[in-house]
Amino acid sequence: MYELHIANKNYSSWSLRPWVLMRELGLPFDERLTPFDPDSNWQAFRGFSPTGLVPALRDGHRSVWESLAIVEYLAERHEGVWPKDPDARAWARSAAAEMHAGFSALREACTMNVGVRVRLGERSPKLEQNLARIDELWREGLDQFGGPFLAGRAFGAVDAFFAPVAFRLQTYGLVLSPPAQAYAERLLALPSMQAWQAAALAETWREPGHEAEARAAGEWLRDLRASGGDHG
């Protein structure tokens, strides 16, 4: 049985990627959640990850850290991680790698915080560029491979890599073109995404750094989490 080590569901976009992929593909695993520490995660996370970061996968004596490495490890052992069609597979790998390495303006301006709703303040040109590229990329995949997911009929790794973006769009009230927005709504409606969101809303942990980032992004409208309450 795999063990998947993650951090708080409310905040951890990197943890979400392998988690939602494994859930959607029906790969059994034991979840090991270690909350973010307000000071340093190094000691706590080093118990399961040599980098002191999440996520990390344990498979018997093997430890696989970093989300892209986990996805490739799973792809060697299970069907459905990447598309069978070589064109779709090449596109999906490229798009996932682009998400993995890029979109820094979106990450910085719109930190993941599943349980709150924020009216975003200033939208920098770099953020607008990131959003336009995501919109373009999503429409390209949907058009080229027929949907309803980015590389075709089945949910796969490329969708998992963009799953945190769907939560960010929801949190900050960001709206894309109709085809891209519909895709984001399909992601949010997946049973695995609904389960992640429900668990995130039930969390009572609050990590000051993540909270401050979300508050700095704009006007805090609602807090839907346990012991939260409205701030509108």
Protein backbone atom coordinates (compact mmCIF):
# COMPACT_ATOMS: atom_id res chain seq x y z
CA MET A 1 0.00 0.00 0.00
CA TYR A 2 1.30 3.41 -0.93
CA GLU A 3 1.69 6.09 1.73
CA LEU A 4 1.19 9.65 0.53
CA HIS A 5 2.53 12.37 2.80
CA ILE A 6 0.82 15.73 2.45
CA ALA A 7 0.25 18.95 4.38
CA ASN A 8 -2.89 20.95 5.14
CA LYS A 9 -5.54 20.51 2.47
CA ASN A 10 -6.57 24.14 2.79
CA TYR A 11 -3.15 25.41 1.72
CA SER A 12 -1.06 22.74 0.02
CA SER A 13 -1.42 22.92 -3.76
CA TRP A 14 1.57 20.64 -4.26
CA SER A 15 0.00 17.95 -2.07
CA LEU A 16 -3.26 18.12 -4.01
CA ARG A 17 -1.74 17.03 -7.31
CA PRO A 18 -0.74 13.41 -6.55
CA TRP A 19 -3.61 13.06 -4.09
CA VAL A 20 -6.33 13.92 -6.61
CA LEU A 21 -4.64 11.87 -9.33
CA MET A 22 -4.50 8.76 -7.17
CA ARG A 23 -8.08 9.23 -6.02
CA GLU A 24 -9.41 9.69 -9.55
CA LEU A 25 -7.46 6.69 -10.85
CA GLY A 26 -8.61 4.52 -7.94
CA LEU A 27 -5.11 3.85 -6.65
CA PRO A 28 -5.31 2.90 -2.97
CA PHE A 29 -3.07 4.75 -0.54
CA ASP A 30 -2.80 5.67 3.10
CA GLU A 31 -2.88 9.42 3.64
CA ARG A 32 -0.38 10.88 6.10
CA LEU A 33 -1.11 14.53 6.83
CA THR A 34 1.39 16.66 8.73
CA PRO A 35 0.25 20.27 9.26
CA PHE A 36 2.43 23.20 8.28
CA ASP A 37 4.37 24.63 11.21
CA PRO A 38 4.28 28.42 11.73
CA ASP A 39 8.04 28.49 12.18
CA SER A 40 9.64 25.72 10.14
CA ASN A 41 8.47 22.48 8.56
CA TRP A 42 12.00 21.16 8.19
CA GLN A 43 12.18 18.77 11.12
CA ALA A 44 8.63 17.45 10.85
CA PHE A 45 8.70 16.96 7.09
CA ARG A 46 12.23 15.55 7.05
CA GLY A 47 10.80 12.47 8.72
CA PHE A 48 9.34 11.43 5.38
CA SER A 49 10.94 13.70 2.77
CA PRO A 50 14.66 14.41 2.29
CA THR A 51 13.84 17.92 1.06
CA GLY A 52 11.67 18.77 4.05
CA LEU A 53 8.83 19.48 1.61
CA VAL A 54 5.51 17.90 0.62
CA PRO A 55 4.33 15.78 -1.07
CA ALA A 56 6.26 12.55 -0.69
CA LEU A 57 5.27 9.01 -1.60
CA ARG A 58 6.42 5.89 0.22
CA ASP A 59 6.23 2.56 -1.57
CA GLY A 60 7.71 -0.07 0.69
CA HIS A 61 11.39 0.81 1.13
CA ARG A 62 11.24 3.44 -1.63
CA SER A 63 10.72 7.13 -1.03
CA VAL A 64 9.68 9.32 -3.94
CA TRP A 65 9.55 13.04 -3.31
CA GLU A 66 8.36 15.99 -5.42
CA SER A 67 5.06 15.96 -7.26
CA LEU A 68 6.33 15.41 -10.80
CA ALA A 69 8.57 12.54 -9.72
CA ILE A 70 5.62 10.94 -7.91
CA VAL A 71 3.49 11.19 -11.03
CA GLU A 72 6.16 9.58 -13.20
CA TYR A 73 6.73 6.84 -10.62
CA LEU A 74 3.01 6.06 -10.71
CA ALA A 75 2.97 6.19 -14.52
CA GLU A 76 5.53 3.37 -14.62
CA ARG A 77 3.19 1.17 -12.59
CA HIS A 78 -0.37 2.14 -13.54
CA GLU A 79 -2.30 2.93 -16.69
CA GLY A 80 -4.14 6.20 -17.09
CA VAL A 81 -1.61 8.60 -15.62
CA TRP A 82 -0.71 9.85 -19.11
CA PRO A 83 -2.77 9.34 -22.28
CA LYS A 84 -2.01 6.38 -24.52
CA ASP A 85 -2.17 8.50 -27.66
CA PRO A 86 1.37 9.81 -28.31
CA ASP A 87 0.21 13.27 -29.44
CA ALA A 88 -2.00 13.69 -26.39
CA ARG A 89 0.74 12.32 -24.14
CA ALA A 90 3.35 14.73 -25.49
CA TRP A 91 0.97 17.67 -25.08
CA ALA A 92 -0.08 16.60 -21.58
CA ARG A 93 3.51 16.22 -20.38
CA SER A 94 4.44 19.63 -21.81
CA ALA A 95 1.43 21.35 -20.23
CA ALA A 96 2.02 19.69 -16.85
CA ALA A 97 5.69 20.68 -16.92
CA GLU A 98 4.72 24.25 -17.81
CA MET A 99 2.44 24.38 -14.77
CA HIS A 100 5.04 22.74 -12.59
CA ALA A 101 7.72 25.28 -13.43
CA GLY A 102 5.76 28.40 -14.28
CA PHE A 103 2.89 30.74 -13.49
CA SER A 104 4.78 32.37 -10.65
CA ALA A 105 2.66 35.52 -10.72
CA LEU A 106 -0.51 33.50 -10.10
CA ARG A 107 1.15 31.55 -7.28
CA GLU A 108 2.38 34.74 -5.61
CA ALA A 109 -0.75 36.85 -6.00
CA CYS A 110 -3.28 34.09 -5.36
CA THR A 111 -1.94 31.75 -2.71
CA MET A 112 -4.02 28.60 -2.31
CA ASN A 113 -6.57 28.96 0.46
CA VAL A 114 -9.52 26.69 -0.33
CA GLY A 115 -11.81 27.87 2.45
CA VAL A 116 -11.93 31.61 1.92
CA ARG A 117 -13.34 33.98 -0.69
CA VAL A 118 -11.34 37.06 -1.59
CA ARG A 119 -12.04 39.99 -3.89
CA LEU A 120 -8.66 40.35 -5.54
CA GLY A 121 -7.06 43.77 -5.40
CA GLU A 122 -4.60 44.90 -8.03
CA ARG A 123 -4.11 42.49 -10.94
CA SER A 124 -0.60 42.98 -12.24
CA PRO A 125 0.25 42.64 -15.94
CA LYS A 126 2.18 39.46 -15.12
CA LEU A 127 -0.86 37.97 -13.38
CA GLU A 128 -3.06 38.86 -16.35
CA GLN A 129 -0.49 37.23 -18.62
CA ASN A 130 -0.52 34.05 -16.50
CA LEU A 131 -4.32 33.89 -16.58
CA ALA A 132 -4.40 34.47 -20.34
CA ARG A 133 -1.88 31.69 -20.88
CA ILE A 134 -3.82 29.26 -18.69
CA ASP A 135 -6.98 30.12 -20.62
CA GLU A 136 -5.18 29.59 -23.92
CA LEU A 137 -3.61 26.32 -22.79
CA TRP A 138 -6.85 24.87 -21.48
CA ARG A 139 -8.79 25.78 -24.62
CA GLU A 140 -6.03 24.30 -26.77
CA GLY A 141 -6.18 20.95 -24.97
CA LEU A 142 -9.96 20.82 -24.96
CA ASP A 143 -10.16 21.70 -28.66
CA GLN A 144 -7.36 19.42 -29.80
CA PHE A 145 -8.31 16.30 -27.83
CA GLY A 146 -12.08 16.72 -27.53
CA GLY A 147 -12.47 17.03 -23.76
CA PRO A 148 -14.01 16.90 -21.29
CA PHE A 149 -10.51 16.82 -19.75
CA LEU A 150 -7.40 18.50 -21.07
CA ALA A 151 -5.93 15.54 -22.93
CA GLY A 152 -9.13 13.74 -23.83
CA ARG A 153 -11.95 11.79 -22.26
CA ALA A 154 -10.17 10.67 -19.09
CA PHE A 155 -8.79 12.60 -16.12
CA GLY A 156 -5.03 12.29 -15.95
CA ALA A 157 -1.86 13.83 -14.62
CA VAL A 158 -2.16 17.05 -16.60
CA ASP A 159 -5.56 17.70 -15.03
CA ALA A 160 -4.15 16.96 -11.60
CA PHE A 161 -1.43 19.54 -12.12
CA PHE A 162 -4.00 22.22 -12.90
CA ALA A 163 -6.43 21.19 -10.14
CA PRO A 164 -5.05 23.81 -7.70
CA VAL A 165 -5.74 26.50 -10.30
CA ALA A 166 -9.44 25.63 -10.18
CA PHE A 167 -9.42 26.23 -6.42
CA ARG A 168 -7.56 29.52 -6.91
CA LEU A 169 -10.11 30.71 -9.46
CA GLN A 170 -12.87 29.89 -6.97
CA THR A 171 -11.16 31.57 -4.03
CA TYR A 172 -10.34 34.82 -5.80
CA GLY A 173 -13.37 35.08 -8.08
CA LEU A 174 -11.31 34.86 -11.27
CA VAL A 175 -13.26 34.11 -14.44
CA LEU A 176 -11.81 32.74 -17.66
CA SER A 177 -13.37 32.30 -21.09
CA PRO A 178 -16.51 30.09 -21.17
CA PRO A 179 -14.73 26.88 -22.31
CA ALA A 180 -11.92 27.29 -19.79
CA GLN A 181 -14.31 28.27 -17.01
CA ALA A 182 -16.49 25.25 -17.73
CA TYR A 183 -13.42 23.04 -17.45
CA ALA A 184 -12.55 24.57 -14.08
CA GLU A 185 -16.10 23.88 -12.89
CA ARG A 186 -15.78 20.26 -14.03
CA LEU A 187 -12.63 19.90 -11.96
CA LEU A 188 -14.31 21.40 -8.90
CA ALA A 189 -17.25 19.01 -9.29
CA LEU A 190 -15.12 15.86 -9.28
CA PRO A 191 -15.78 13.63 -6.25
CA SER A 192 -12.12 13.76 -5.29
CA MET A 193 -12.04 17.56 -5.45
CA GLN A 194 -15.24 17.76 -3.44
CA ALA A 195 -13.73 15.44 -0.83
CA TRP A 196 -10.54 17.54 -0.67
CA GLN A 197 -12.56 20.73 -0.28
CA ALA A 198 -14.74 19.27 2.46
CA ALA A 199 -11.67 18.19 4.41
CA ALA A 200 -10.06 21.60 3.89
CA LEU A 201 -13.13 23.37 5.25
CA ALA A 202 -13.13 21.10 8.28
CA GLU A 203 -9.54 21.91 9.19
CA THR A 204 -9.07 24.11 12.24
CA TRP A 205 -5.34 24.76 11.69
CA ARG A 206 -4.36 28.28 10.76
CA GLU A 207 -0.84 28.93 9.50
CA PRO A 208 -0.04 32.65 9.86
CA GLY A 209 2.06 32.94 6.72
CA HIS A 210 -0.56 31.48 4.40
CA GLU A 211 -3.31 33.46 6.11
CA ALA A 212 -1.38 36.73 5.72
CA GLU A 213 -0.79 36.07 2.02
CA ALA A 214 -4.50 35.56 1.38
CA ARG A 215 -5.44 38.67 3.36
CA ALA A 216 -2.88 40.76 1.48
CA ALA A 217 -4.35 39.70 -1.86
CA GLY A 218 -7.47 41.83 -1.52
CA GLU A 219 -10.73 42.19 0.38
CA TRP A 220 -11.51 39.10 2.46
CA LEU A 221 -15.18 38.38 1.82
CA ARG A 222 -15.94 35.06 3.52
CA ASP A 223 -14.29 32.39 5.60
CA LEU A 224 -16.11 29.10 5.08
CA ARG A 225 -13.87 27.00 7.30
CA ALA A 226 -14.63 25.47 10.67
CA SER A 227 -14.55 28.20 13.34
CA GLY A 228 -14.32 30.72 10.52
CA GLY A 229 -17.18 33.08 9.85
CA ASP A 230 -17.92 35.89 7.44
CA HIS A 231 -15.67 38.89 7.10
CA GLY A 232 -17.68 40.74 4.47
